[in-house]
N, C-alpha and C. Protein backbone atom coordinates (compact mmCIF):
# COMPACT_ATOMS: atom_id res chain seq x y z
N MET A 1 88.06 103.00 124.95
CA MET A 1 89.23 103.70 124.84
C MET A 1 88.08 104.41 123.36
N ARG A 2 89.41 105.59 123.61
CA ARG A 2 88.80 106.25 121.60
C ARG A 2 89.70 105.18 120.87
N LEU A 3 89.25 105.92 119.58
CA LEU A 3 89.71 104.63 118.29
C LEU A 3 91.13 105.48 117.90
N ASP A 4 91.53 106.37 117.95
CA ASP A 4 92.41 106.61 117.89
C ASP A 4 93.58 107.03 118.61
N LYS A 5 92.78 106.79 119.86
CA LYS A 5 93.77 106.09 121.05
C LYS A 5 94.41 104.28 121.27
N PHE A 6 93.24 103.64 120.86
CA PHE A 6 93.65 102.17 120.25
C PHE A 6 94.69 102.43 119.35
N LEU A 7 94.86 102.82 118.14
CA LEU A 7 95.35 102.63 117.43
C LEU A 7 96.74 103.34 117.60
N LYS A 8 96.89 103.90 118.33
CA LYS A 8 97.93 104.18 118.82
C LYS A 8 98.90 103.29 119.82
N VAL A 9 98.26 102.89 120.87
CA VAL A 9 98.40 101.92 121.78
C VAL A 9 98.50 100.64 121.58
N SER A 10 98.41 100.38 120.72
CA SER A 10 97.68 98.93 120.09
C SER A 10 98.61 98.89 118.65
N ARG A 11 99.71 100.02 118.64
CA ARG A 11 100.53 100.01 117.92
C ARG A 11 100.43 99.52 115.98
N LEU A 12 98.92 99.56 115.67
CA LEU A 12 98.87 99.80 114.69
C LEU A 12 98.88 100.92 114.14
N ILE A 13 98.91 102.06 114.67
CA ILE A 13 99.56 103.40 113.31
C ILE A 13 100.10 104.08 114.58
N LYS A 14 101.39 104.37 114.27
CA LYS A 14 102.83 104.83 115.07
C LYS A 14 102.15 106.26 115.82
N ARG A 15 101.88 106.94 115.42
CA ARG A 15 100.92 108.47 116.70
C ARG A 15 99.59 108.45 116.68
N ARG A 16 98.92 109.17 117.51
CA ARG A 16 97.81 109.73 117.84
C ARG A 16 97.39 110.67 117.02
N THR A 17 98.07 111.70 116.81
CA THR A 17 97.65 112.50 115.00
C THR A 17 97.73 111.63 113.74
N ILE A 18 98.57 111.01 113.40
CA ILE A 18 98.26 110.52 112.71
C ILE A 18 97.33 109.41 112.43
N ALA A 19 97.06 108.78 113.24
CA ALA A 19 96.05 107.74 113.54
C ALA A 19 94.30 108.94 113.07
N LYS A 20 94.49 110.04 113.97
CA LYS A 20 92.91 110.81 113.79
C LYS A 20 93.30 111.08 112.29
N GLU A 21 94.29 111.28 111.70
CA GLU A 21 94.34 112.10 110.10
C GLU A 21 93.02 110.91 109.17
N ARG A 22 93.91 109.59 109.44
CA ARG A 22 93.72 108.63 108.72
C ARG A 22 92.37 108.35 109.13
N VAL A 23 91.32 107.88 110.39
CA VAL A 23 90.25 107.70 110.86
C VAL A 23 89.65 109.00 110.12
N ASP A 24 89.43 110.52 109.63
CA ASP A 24 88.47 111.75 109.52
C ASP A 24 88.96 111.68 107.80
N LYS A 25 89.68 111.19 107.33
CA LYS A 25 89.99 110.47 105.92
C LYS A 25 89.25 109.87 105.56
N GLY A 26 88.36 108.63 106.35
CA GLY A 26 87.74 107.55 105.87
C GLY A 26 88.64 106.37 105.78
N ASN A 27 89.77 106.20 106.17
CA ASN A 27 90.56 104.85 105.82
C ASN A 27 90.02 104.20 107.19
N VAL A 28 89.64 104.35 108.04
CA VAL A 28 89.35 103.57 109.10
C VAL A 28 87.68 102.90 109.06
N THR A 29 87.17 101.93 109.17
CA THR A 29 85.66 101.29 109.61
C THR A 29 85.79 100.53 110.67
N LEU A 30 84.75 100.83 111.23
CA LEU A 30 84.19 100.08 113.13
C LEU A 30 83.33 99.38 112.71
N ASN A 31 83.32 97.97 113.23
CA ASN A 31 82.14 97.18 112.81
C ASN A 31 81.20 97.53 111.51
N GLY A 32 82.28 98.10 110.56
CA GLY A 32 81.50 98.11 109.08
C GLY A 32 81.05 99.21 108.50
N LYS A 33 81.33 100.54 109.41
CA LYS A 33 80.72 101.82 109.68
C LYS A 33 82.01 103.00 110.01
N PRO A 34 81.84 103.63 108.76
CA PRO A 34 82.27 104.82 108.72
C PRO A 34 82.69 104.86 110.22
N ALA A 35 83.83 105.36 110.61
CA ALA A 35 84.14 105.51 111.91
C ALA A 35 84.50 107.24 112.32
N LYS A 36 84.59 107.30 113.68
CA LYS A 36 85.14 109.18 114.11
C LYS A 36 86.69 108.73 114.84
N ALA A 37 87.48 109.78 114.96
CA ALA A 37 88.74 109.25 115.70
C ALA A 37 87.92 108.83 117.45
N SER A 38 87.35 109.60 117.72
CA SER A 38 86.33 109.65 118.99
C SER A 38 85.79 108.51 119.32
N SER A 39 85.37 107.59 118.16
CA SER A 39 84.49 106.39 118.62
C SER A 39 85.24 105.63 119.72
N ASN A 40 83.92 105.22 120.62
CA ASN A 40 84.90 104.19 121.39
C ASN A 40 84.61 102.72 121.35
N VAL A 41 85.91 102.28 120.97
CA VAL A 41 86.18 100.69 120.86
C VAL A 41 85.61 99.93 121.73
N ASN A 42 85.27 98.51 121.79
CA ASN A 42 85.17 97.48 122.55
C ASN A 42 85.70 96.30 122.38
N ILE A 43 85.85 96.03 123.15
CA ILE A 43 86.42 94.13 123.01
C ILE A 43 85.65 93.61 121.98
N GLY A 44 85.78 92.58 120.89
CA GLY A 44 84.96 91.81 119.91
C GLY A 44 84.75 93.09 118.67
N ASP A 45 85.36 94.36 118.98
CA ASP A 45 84.73 94.87 117.26
C ASP A 45 85.61 94.30 116.49
N VAL A 46 84.74 94.57 115.50
CA VAL A 46 86.03 94.65 114.31
C VAL A 46 86.34 96.13 113.40
N LEU A 47 87.63 96.22 113.47
CA LEU A 47 88.24 97.32 112.45
C LEU A 47 89.30 96.70 111.37
N THR A 48 88.78 97.64 110.39
CA THR A 48 89.57 97.72 108.82
C THR A 48 90.54 98.32 108.88
N VAL A 49 91.45 98.94 108.16
CA VAL A 49 92.54 99.71 108.35
C VAL A 49 93.04 100.02 106.90
N HIS A 50 92.67 100.88 105.98
CA HIS A 50 92.99 101.05 104.49
C HIS A 50 94.24 101.74 104.51
N LEU A 51 95.21 101.48 104.62
CA LEU A 51 96.32 101.73 103.90
C LEU A 51 97.28 101.84 102.91
N LYS A 52 97.84 102.43 102.64
CA LYS A 52 98.10 102.50 101.05
C LYS A 52 97.27 101.98 99.86
N SER A 53 97.77 100.00 99.71
CA SER A 53 96.98 99.49 98.81
C SER A 53 96.60 98.33 100.03
N ILE A 54 96.82 98.12 101.03
CA ILE A 54 96.63 97.47 101.76
C ILE A 54 95.31 97.35 102.54
N ASN A 55 94.42 96.44 102.86
CA ASN A 55 93.06 96.64 103.40
C ASN A 55 93.56 95.58 104.79
N SER A 56 93.37 96.12 105.67
CA SER A 56 93.58 95.05 106.65
C SER A 56 92.43 95.12 107.89
N THR A 57 91.51 94.33 108.56
CA THR A 57 90.82 93.71 109.49
C THR A 57 91.24 93.24 110.50
N TYR A 58 90.84 93.81 111.38
CA TYR A 58 91.71 92.95 113.02
C TYR A 58 89.59 93.47 113.58
N ARG A 59 89.99 91.78 114.84
CA ARG A 59 89.32 92.01 116.05
C ARG A 59 89.86 92.81 116.82
N ILE A 60 89.48 94.03 117.71
CA ILE A 60 89.57 93.99 119.14
C ILE A 60 89.93 92.68 120.15
N ASP A 61 91.10 92.24 121.10
CA ASP A 61 90.87 91.27 121.73
C ASP A 61 91.02 91.65 123.20
N ASN A 62 91.75 92.78 123.64
CA ASN A 62 92.05 93.64 124.86
C ASN A 62 92.02 94.96 124.39
N ILE A 63 91.91 95.63 125.91
CA ILE A 63 92.32 97.04 125.51
C ILE A 63 92.70 97.56 126.67
N PHE A 64 94.24 97.99 126.79
CA PHE A 64 94.85 98.34 127.61
C PHE A 64 95.10 100.18 127.87
N GLU A 65 95.47 100.47 128.62
CA GLU A 65 95.50 102.38 128.07
C GLU A 65 97.35 102.84 128.11
N PHE A 66 98.11 101.38 128.38
CA PHE A 66 99.27 101.59 127.92
C PHE A 66 99.54 100.25 127.95
N ALA A 67 100.41 99.87 126.59
CA ALA A 67 101.31 99.11 126.41
C ALA A 67 102.68 98.98 125.98
N THR A 68 103.29 97.27 126.48
CA THR A 68 104.35 97.12 125.35
C THR A 68 104.16 96.92 124.70
N GLU A 69 105.61 96.52 123.50
CA GLU A 69 105.02 95.83 122.57
C GLU A 69 104.63 94.55 122.10
N GLU A 70 104.89 93.96 123.00
CA GLU A 70 104.37 91.93 123.25
C GLU A 70 102.68 92.92 124.17
N LYS A 71 102.76 93.46 124.31
CA LYS A 71 101.16 93.81 125.26
C LYS A 71 100.21 94.50 124.35
N ALA A 72 100.66 95.31 123.36
CA ALA A 72 100.51 95.64 122.37
C ALA A 72 99.78 94.46 121.06
N LYS A 73 100.68 93.62 121.04
CA LYS A 73 100.08 92.49 119.89
C LYS A 73 99.12 92.05 120.72
N SER A 74 98.71 91.73 121.75
CA SER A 74 97.78 91.01 122.33
C SER A 74 96.24 91.63 122.09
N MET A 75 96.78 93.15 121.93
CA MET A 75 95.22 94.00 121.81
C MET A 75 94.62 93.51 120.70
N TYR A 76 94.38 92.88 119.74
CA TYR A 76 93.88 92.38 118.64
C TYR A 76 94.40 91.02 117.78
N MET A 77 93.55 90.52 116.99
CA MET A 77 93.93 90.00 115.61
C MET A 77 93.67 90.19 114.28
N GLU A 78 94.58 89.57 113.56
CA GLU A 78 94.31 90.48 112.61
C GLU A 78 93.43 89.08 111.78
N ILE A 79 92.12 89.11 110.89
CA ILE A 79 91.34 88.44 110.40
C ILE A 79 91.86 88.02 109.21
N GLU A 80 91.76 89.34 108.58
CA GLU A 80 92.17 89.33 107.22
C GLU A 80 93.28 90.77 106.40
N SER A 81 93.84 90.54 105.76
CA SER A 81 94.33 91.87 105.08
C SER A 81 94.75 90.88 103.25
N LYS A 82 94.07 92.23 102.82
CA LYS A 82 94.51 91.98 100.84
C LYS A 82 94.88 93.22 100.21
N ASN A 83 95.75 93.00 99.14
CA ASN A 83 96.20 93.83 98.50
C ASN A 83 95.06 94.50 97.55
N ASP A 84 95.05 95.60 97.19
CA ASP A 84 94.27 96.19 96.43
C ASP A 84 94.58 96.10 94.86
């Protein structure tokens, strides 16, 4: 699954277009490297999202094409969250 779609389906970011903008601005890294919106994500990948003054790191646990709110929460596990 594409990174921008994962961010939307998992509800880490509300809209896919916003997810793409954040990734393009360099606010998202995948496995410690700058990511592209079209990057493929896999189970076990580590995702870091920089939003405002908060840096959150997640491990991808599941990938679903569509997800309810409950199912979306099972797509990732928050590893770390820091304030800048």
